[in-house]
Amino acid sequence: MPKHIALYNQNEKIIEAGRIENKMYIILEGEVEIALSDRNNRIVVANLKKGDFFGEISLFNNTPRSATVIATTNVKLVYIDSVDELKAFLIKNPVFAAKMVSILAQRLAKTDALLIGKISELNRIKLTRDV
């Protein structure tokens, strides 16, 4: 297990959308909330608990954070701050690696379903405008 430990209190912000930070977190204790927002709306997309992970996209892609993460309880996290460290961790922890692949596949399938829904919605709007 990586040796980078971080502690956050309930309601404390762990990640802020738009910031650039290359860390992936694994929850050792507690729970967090993942939320997306624009100027008018805030949508909770996930509630995660012990054993779950978040922040992997920014670690892999070196991109700004897409979501805000807030501790809903006091939390203890371990973080990984390099792709090489993640690779070494996954090699030493094949059960976690399998879990990670499964969860990432579920997240991708959910994103695909949302995109297909939006495309259908846009097509319906276009059809009603063309009529």
Protein backbone atom coordinates (compact mmCIF):
# COMPACT_ATOMS: atom_id res chain seq x y z
CA MET A 1 0.00 0.00 0.00
CA PRO A 2 1.36 3.47 -0.83
CA LYS A 3 2.49 5.39 2.22
CA HIS A 4 0.80 8.70 1.45
CA ILE A 5 -1.99 9.11 4.01
CA ALA A 6 -4.41 12.03 4.11
CA LEU A 7 -7.04 12.81 6.75
CA TYR A 8 -10.09 15.00 6.15
CA ASN A 9 -12.87 16.09 8.48
CA GLN A 10 -16.57 15.79 7.71
CA ASN A 11 -17.70 18.41 5.14
CA GLU A 12 -14.11 19.19 4.14
CA LYS A 13 -13.37 19.51 0.41
CA ILE A 14 -10.89 16.92 -0.82
CA ILE A 15 -10.94 17.77 -4.53
CA GLU A 16 -12.23 20.90 -6.24
CA ALA A 17 -13.45 20.73 -9.83
CA GLY A 18 -11.22 22.64 -12.24
CA ARG A 19 -8.02 22.29 -10.26
CA ILE A 20 -5.04 20.41 -11.61
CA GLU A 21 -3.77 17.75 -9.25
CA ASN A 22 -2.37 14.34 -10.04
CA LYS A 23 -3.59 12.15 -7.21
CA MET A 24 -5.80 9.11 -7.05
CA TYR A 25 -7.33 8.33 -3.67
CA ILE A 26 -8.39 5.07 -2.03
CA ILE A 27 -10.73 5.31 0.94
CA LEU A 28 -9.41 3.53 4.03
CA GLU A 29 -12.07 4.85 6.43
CA GLY A 30 -15.18 6.99 6.04
CA GLU A 31 -17.29 8.17 3.12
CA VAL A 32 -17.13 10.82 0.41
CA GLU A 33 -19.52 12.43 -2.04
CA ILE A 34 -18.66 13.07 -5.70
CA ALA A 35 -20.55 15.96 -7.31
CA LEU A 36 -20.63 17.68 -10.68
CA SER A 37 -21.85 21.23 -11.04
CA ASP A 38 -22.30 24.09 -13.42
CA ARG A 39 -23.33 27.64 -12.61
CA ASN A 40 -26.88 26.65 -11.71
CA ASN A 41 -26.94 23.00 -10.72
CA ARG A 42 -25.11 20.55 -8.48
CA ILE A 43 -25.61 16.84 -9.01
CA VAL A 44 -24.28 14.13 -6.69
CA VAL A 45 -23.04 11.38 -8.99
CA ALA A 46 -21.65 8.97 -6.38
CA ASN A 47 -21.26 8.26 -2.70
CA LEU A 48 -18.16 6.19 -2.00
CA LYS A 49 -17.00 4.26 1.05
CA LYS A 50 -14.12 2.17 2.38
CA GLY A 51 -12.29 0.36 -0.41
CA ASP A 52 -13.57 2.66 -3.17
CA PHE A 53 -11.33 4.96 -5.20
CA PHE A 54 -11.58 8.28 -7.00
CA GLY A 55 -9.41 10.77 -8.84
CA GLU A 56 -7.95 8.28 -11.30
CA ILE A 57 -8.79 10.29 -14.44
CA SER A 58 -6.58 13.23 -13.48
CA LEU A 59 -3.78 10.87 -12.51
CA PHE A 60 -3.86 9.11 -15.88
CA ASN A 61 -4.56 12.12 -18.10
CA ASN A 62 -3.00 15.07 -16.27
CA THR A 63 -6.24 17.02 -16.76
CA PRO A 64 -8.17 19.38 -14.47
CA ARG A 65 -10.54 17.77 -11.99
CA SER A 66 -14.03 17.25 -13.42
CA ALA A 67 -15.80 16.81 -10.09
CA THR A 68 -15.74 18.08 -6.54
CA VAL A 69 -15.24 15.55 -3.73
CA ILE A 70 -16.35 16.29 -0.17
CA ALA A 71 -15.91 14.15 2.94
CA THR A 72 -19.36 13.22 4.25
CA THR A 73 -17.76 11.73 7.38
CA ASN A 74 -14.26 11.98 8.76
CA VAL A 75 -12.13 10.12 6.23
CA LYS A 76 -8.73 8.50 6.03
CA LEU A 77 -7.36 8.17 2.52
CA VAL A 78 -4.27 6.81 0.91
CA TYR A 79 -3.22 8.54 -2.27
CA ILE A 80 -1.13 7.62 -5.26
CA ASP A 81 0.52 10.53 -7.06
CA SER A 82 2.24 8.96 -10.06
CA VAL A 83 1.27 6.50 -12.77
CA ASP A 84 4.38 4.45 -11.99
CA GLU A 85 3.33 4.18 -8.35
CA LEU A 86 -0.16 3.11 -9.45
CA LYS A 87 1.25 0.45 -11.77
CA ALA A 88 3.44 -0.95 -8.98
CA PHE A 89 0.48 -0.93 -6.58
CA LEU A 90 -1.76 -2.77 -9.07
CA ILE A 91 0.89 -5.42 -9.75
CA LYS A 92 1.23 -6.07 -6.00
CA ASN A 93 -2.57 -6.01 -5.47
CA PRO A 94 -4.24 -8.00 -8.28
CA VAL A 95 -7.58 -8.21 -6.44
CA PHE A 96 -7.75 -4.42 -6.28
CA ALA A 97 -6.62 -4.23 -9.93
CA ALA A 98 -9.52 -6.50 -10.97
CA LYS A 99 -11.95 -4.43 -8.88
CA MET A 100 -10.63 -1.23 -10.46
CA VAL A 101 -11.09 -2.56 -14.01
CA SER A 102 -14.64 -3.68 -13.18
CA ILE A 103 -15.58 -0.32 -11.64
CA LEU A 104 -14.03 1.65 -14.50
CA ALA A 105 -16.00 -0.48 -16.99
CA GLN A 106 -19.22 0.23 -15.05
CA ARG A 107 -18.47 3.96 -15.02
CA LEU A 108 -17.79 3.92 -18.77
CA ALA A 109 -21.03 2.05 -19.46
CA LYS A 110 -22.96 4.61 -17.36
CA THR A 111 -21.30 7.46 -19.28
CA ASP A 112 -22.15 5.79 -22.60
CA ALA A 113 -25.80 5.45 -21.55
CA LEU A 114 -25.93 9.12 -20.59
CA LEU A 115 -24.39 10.16 -23.91
CA ILE A 116 -26.81 8.00 -25.90
CA GLY A 117 -29.68 9.55 -23.96
CA LYS A 118 -28.42 13.07 -24.71
CA ILE A 119 -27.96 12.26 -28.42
CA SER A 120 -31.54 10.93 -28.56
CA GLU A 121 -32.79 14.04 -26.78
CA LEU A 122 -30.95 16.32 -29.23
CA ASN A 123 -32.36 14.36 -32.18
CA ARG A 124 -35.91 14.69 -30.81
CA ILE A 125 -35.41 18.46 -30.38
CA LYS A 126 -34.07 18.72 -33.94
CA LEU A 127 -37.03 16.77 -35.32
CA THR A 128 -39.56 18.99 -33.54
CA ARG A 129 -37.80 22.11 -34.90
CA ASP A 130 -37.78 20.71 -38.43
CA VAL A 131 -41.52 19.97 -38.38
